Protein backbone atom coordinates (compact mmCIF):
# COMPACT_ATOMS: atom_id res chain seq x y z
CA MET A 1 113.85 87.59 120.46
CA ASN A 2 117.80 86.84 120.58
CA GLY A 3 119.50 88.19 123.79
CA GLY A 4 118.09 90.16 126.47
CA GLU A 5 114.36 90.86 127.19
CA PRO A 6 111.84 92.96 125.05
CA THR A 7 112.13 96.35 125.09
CA GLY A 8 108.56 96.98 124.48
CA LEU A 9 107.21 100.19 122.97
CA THR A 10 108.54 103.38 123.99
CA GLN A 11 107.00 107.16 123.50
CA GLY A 12 108.91 108.62 120.47
CA PRO A 13 109.97 112.12 119.86
CA SER A 14 107.43 114.17 117.69
CA VAL A 15 108.74 114.09 114.16
CA PRO A 16 106.98 115.83 111.39
CA GLY A 17 104.87 113.66 109.06
CA ASP A 18 105.19 110.29 111.37
CA GLY A 19 102.39 110.98 113.60
CA ALA A 20 103.95 113.12 116.52
CA GLY A 21 103.93 111.11 120.01
CA LEU A 22 102.95 107.66 118.38
CA PRO A 23 104.79 104.90 120.08
CA VAL A 24 108.17 103.79 118.50
CA ASP A 25 109.22 100.18 118.12
CA PRO A 26 113.04 100.40 119.85
CA ALA A 27 113.88 97.38 117.36
CA LEU A 28 113.76 100.00 114.58
CA VAL A 29 116.74 102.09 115.70
CA GLU A 30 118.32 100.06 118.67
CA GLY A 31 118.22 96.19 117.10
CA ARG A 32 117.05 93.47 119.09
CA HIS A 33 119.67 94.06 122.04
CA PRO A 34 118.39 96.65 124.29
CA ASP A 35 122.00 97.55 125.83
CA ARG A 36 123.20 98.11 122.24
CA LEU A 37 123.41 101.75 121.20
CA PRO A 38 121.31 103.25 118.41
CA GLU A 39 122.89 102.39 115.13
CA GLU A 40 123.50 105.34 112.52
CA ILE A 41 123.39 104.14 108.63
CA PRO A 42 126.72 102.90 107.84
CA GLU A 43 128.86 104.42 105.21
CA LEU A 44 129.13 102.26 102.03
CA HIS A 45 133.09 102.45 102.39
CA GLU A 46 133.10 101.27 105.59
CA THR A 47 131.55 97.91 105.13
CA GLY A 48 133.68 96.11 102.46
CA CYS A 49 130.68 95.51 100.50
CA PRO A 50 131.49 93.74 97.34
CA ASP A 51 130.93 95.36 94.06
CA ASP A 52 128.66 92.69 92.74
CA LEU A 53 126.36 92.47 95.91
CA ARG A 54 126.11 96.37 95.81
CA GLU A 55 125.00 96.51 92.33
CA ARG A 56 122.56 93.65 92.76
CA ILE A 57 120.73 95.49 95.67
CA GLU A 58 120.77 98.63 94.01
CA GLU A 59 119.04 96.92 91.18
CA LEU A 60 116.56 95.47 93.41
CA MET A 61 115.87 98.91 94.92
CA SER A 62 115.36 100.29 91.50
CA ARG A 63 111.74 98.17 91.30
CA TYR A 64 110.48 99.89 93.89
CA PRO A 65 109.08 103.49 94.31
CA ASP A 66 110.17 103.47 98.10
CA ARG A 67 113.53 101.70 98.65
CA HIS A 68 112.06 99.95 101.93
CA SER A 69 110.48 97.56 99.58
CA ALA A 70 113.36 96.00 98.58
CA SER A 71 114.48 94.91 101.94
CA ILE A 72 113.26 91.26 101.86
CA PRO A 73 114.80 90.61 98.46
CA ALA A 74 118.02 92.39 99.39
CA LEU A 75 118.34 90.34 102.60
CA TRP A 76 117.40 87.21 100.58
CA THR A 77 120.70 88.22 98.36
CA VAL A 78 122.65 88.47 101.53
CA GLN A 79 121.85 85.04 102.53
CA GLU A 80 122.61 83.73 99.27
CA ARG A 81 125.96 84.95 99.02
CA TYR A 82 126.96 84.32 102.61
CA GLY A 83 124.97 81.54 103.83
CA TRP A 84 122.61 83.43 106.36
CA CYS A 85 122.13 86.79 107.25
CA THR A 86 125.32 87.70 108.76
CA PRO A 87 126.01 91.14 110.83
CA ASP A 88 128.46 91.82 108.30
CA GLY A 89 126.13 91.08 105.45
CA ILE A 90 123.05 93.32 106.81
CA ARG A 91 125.61 96.27 107.45
CA GLN A 92 126.46 96.08 103.64
CA ALA A 93 123.05 95.64 102.63
CA ALA A 94 121.88 98.54 104.91
CA ALA A 95 124.84 101.16 103.68
CA VAL A 96 123.77 100.24 99.92
CA MET A 97 120.08 100.77 100.95
CA ARG A 98 120.56 103.92 103.31
CA VAL A 99 118.89 102.37 106.27
CA THR A 100 120.00 101.23 109.62
CA PRO A 101 121.08 97.72 110.28
CA ALA A 102 118.57 97.37 113.09
CA TYR A 103 115.85 97.77 110.60
CA LEU A 104 117.07 95.20 108.19
CA GLU A 105 117.70 92.84 111.33
CA SER A 106 114.07 93.21 112.39
CA VAL A 107 112.99 92.30 109.09
CA ALA A 108 115.47 89.34 108.98
CA SER A 109 114.37 88.01 112.06
CA PHE A 110 110.49 88.29 111.28
CA TYR A 111 110.71 85.78 108.44
CA ASP A 112 111.33 81.90 108.82
CA LEU A 113 113.24 81.65 105.43
CA LEU A 114 115.93 84.27 106.47
CA HIS A 115 118.01 83.27 109.09
CA THR A 116 120.00 85.34 111.35
CA ARG A 117 122.56 82.70 112.63
CA PRO A 118 124.51 80.01 110.81
CA VAL A 119 122.54 77.11 109.24
CA GLY A 120 123.46 73.77 107.27
CA ARG A 121 124.49 74.14 103.67
CA HIS A 122 121.71 72.06 102.32
CA ARG A 123 117.98 72.95 103.80
CA VAL A 124 115.51 70.70 104.30
CA LEU A 125 111.90 72.23 105.03
CA VAL A 126 109.32 69.59 105.70
CA CYS A 127 105.66 70.55 105.55
CA THR A 128 104.03 69.75 108.82
CA ASN A 129 100.58 71.36 107.96
CA ILE A 130 97.14 69.91 108.24
CA SER A 131 97.25 68.04 104.88
CA CYS A 132 100.79 66.90 105.48
CA TRP A 133 100.12 66.13 109.01
CA MET A 134 97.19 63.86 108.45
CA ARG A 135 99.54 61.96 105.67
CA GLY A 136 102.60 61.68 108.09
CA GLY A 137 104.07 64.86 107.84
CA ASP A 138 105.65 64.74 111.54
CA GLU A 139 107.04 61.20 110.96
CA LEU A 140 108.69 62.22 107.73
CA LEU A 141 110.31 65.37 109.81
CA ASP A 142 111.80 62.97 112.35
CA ALA A 143 112.95 60.42 109.34
CA PHE A 144 115.03 63.68 107.86
CA CYS A 145 116.38 64.06 111.41
CA ASP A 146 117.42 60.82 111.68
CA ALA A 147 119.11 60.49 108.40
CA ALA A 148 120.63 64.22 108.68
CA GLY A 149 121.64 63.66 112.53
CA CYS A 150 119.72 66.57 113.39
CA ASP A 151 117.70 67.16 116.81
CA GLN A 152 114.12 66.35 116.48
CA GLY A 153 112.83 68.66 119.01
CA ALA A 154 114.84 71.34 117.76
CA ALA A 155 113.92 70.67 114.01
CA ALA A 156 110.11 70.97 115.00
CA HIS A 157 110.48 74.45 116.85
CA GLY A 158 112.80 76.22 114.49
CA GLY A 159 115.09 74.11 112.67
CA SER A 160 118.29 71.88 114.03
CA THR A 161 121.71 72.01 112.15
CA SER A 162 123.76 68.69 111.67
CA ASP A 163 126.95 68.63 113.50
CA ASP A 164 128.92 68.84 110.16
CA GLY A 165 126.91 71.99 109.24
CA GLU A 166 126.00 70.21 106.27
CA LEU A 167 121.99 70.23 106.65
CA PHE A 168 119.36 72.13 108.16
CA VAL A 169 116.09 70.47 108.59
CA THR A 170 113.04 72.00 110.09
CA GLY A 171 109.39 71.51 110.28
CA PHE A 172 107.35 74.30 108.06
CA GLU A 173 103.84 75.48 107.78
CA CYS A 174 103.05 75.95 104.94
CA VAL A 175 104.56 75.47 101.52
CA GLY A 176 101.37 75.51 99.59
CA ALA A 177 101.83 71.70 97.95
CA CYS A 178 99.02 70.18 99.48
CA ASP A 179 98.18 67.91 96.60
CA LEU A 180 101.92 66.83 97.42
CA ALA A 181 101.23 65.56 100.77
CA PRO A 182 103.23 64.88 102.60
CA MET A 183 106.11 66.94 101.18
CA ALA A 184 109.17 68.86 101.11
CA SER A 185 111.45 71.62 99.88
CA ILE A 186 114.86 70.41 99.53
CA ASP A 187 117.22 73.38 98.70
CA GLY A 188 114.44 75.47 97.21
CA ARG A 189 112.71 72.91 95.08
CA TYR A 190 109.38 70.66 96.03
CA PHE A 191 109.41 67.17 96.45
CA GLY A 192 106.32 64.56 96.95
CA PRO A 193 104.48 62.75 97.78
CA LEU A 194 107.16 61.62 99.97
CA GLU A 195 107.85 58.50 102.29
CA ALA A 196 109.90 58.07 105.52
CA ALA A 197 112.33 55.96 103.45
CA ASP A 198 112.90 58.78 101.00
CA ALA A 199 114.52 60.90 103.78
CA ASN A 200 117.42 58.85 103.97
CA GLU A 201 117.95 58.55 100.19
CA ALA A 202 117.40 62.32 99.91
CA VAL A 203 120.35 63.21 102.43
CA GLN A 204 122.64 60.61 101.04
CA GLN A 205 122.12 62.23 97.49
CA LEU A 206 122.65 65.57 99.07
CA LEU A 207 125.89 64.69 100.76
CA SER A 208 127.24 63.09 97.40
CA ASN A 209 125.89 66.35 95.38
CA ALA A 210 123.86 63.64 93.36
CA GLU A 211 120.57 64.46 91.78
CA VAL A 212 117.95 64.32 94.77
CA LEU A 213 114.84 61.93 94.27
CA PRO A 214 114.53 62.60 90.61
CA GLU A 215 111.43 60.86 90.39
CA LYS A 216 109.32 62.89 92.92
CA THR A 217 110.36 66.65 92.18
CA LEU A 218 107.35 68.44 91.56
CA GLU A 219 108.85 69.87 88.24
CA LYS A 220 108.32 66.67 86.55
CA ARG A 221 104.79 66.32 87.38
CA GLY A 222 102.50 66.56 84.60
CA ALA A 223 99.88 69.60 84.78
CA ALA A 224 96.84 68.90 86.41
CA GLY A 225 94.22 67.61 83.74
CA GLY A 226 96.65 66.65 81.00
CA PRO A 227 99.40 68.41 79.04
CA GLU A 228 98.53 72.00 77.83
CA PRO A 229 97.99 72.23 73.80
CA GLU A 230 100.70 73.99 71.98
CA PRO A 231 99.95 76.46 70.97
CA ASP A 232 97.46 77.20 73.72
CA ALA A 233 94.11 78.11 71.63
CA ARG A 234 92.83 80.25 74.39
CA VAL A 235 96.29 82.48 74.18
CA ALA A 236 96.21 82.75 70.60
CA LYS A 237 92.37 83.87 70.80
CA VAL A 238 93.05 86.57 72.59
CA GLU A 239 96.26 87.68 70.79
CA GLY A 240 94.47 87.37 67.36
CA GLY A 241 91.74 90.20 69.09
CA ASP A 242 88.99 87.86 68.97
CA ALA A 243 87.24 88.37 72.29
């Protein structure tokens, strides 16, 4: 929790339909800072929300029967635009969704892939879960930190950004690619299996806007068991009506 001491749960007012008297998490109405007054839903015209951001969030909301279900993709959209979930970006999304900024802030602060503080332009997530750890994941994380100029201790506990703001390196569990161990997600793309020596090469390629480790990207690996036939006979059988 950023700033202040945890406020805990308080006994909420009786509100029809919400389970009268049940504890209410102050973070949903007050934000994460206990000295902050409860926030109201901001008016859209007061936030300076760009039209394309508003339209994108509205399109995301249209996919769900409850607008709250669009919170994560809306925050991801804010992060893609501003580089992180900025206070202004959160207010803009809250105004479009008609929820409080505190509500969206509580969502953003829960998920590791959503950032409530500035991070590097390029993001390297090194898997340190059991499969990758057994095959050198910790050493790979340290190698990326050394190559990027990031603090190893901070990278292992929430992430570290290089002094020039170019690279964010963090240990991460788990990206679900145990067959590539040890592996890393670099700017949203999977790479592996990696060696410590690959870290410096990948960092230099990121800084020079070159293609990153082209021989070790997941998208260029063949399917397990060999290539799928074209067309797939199983799909053709179903489409032809043969059960």
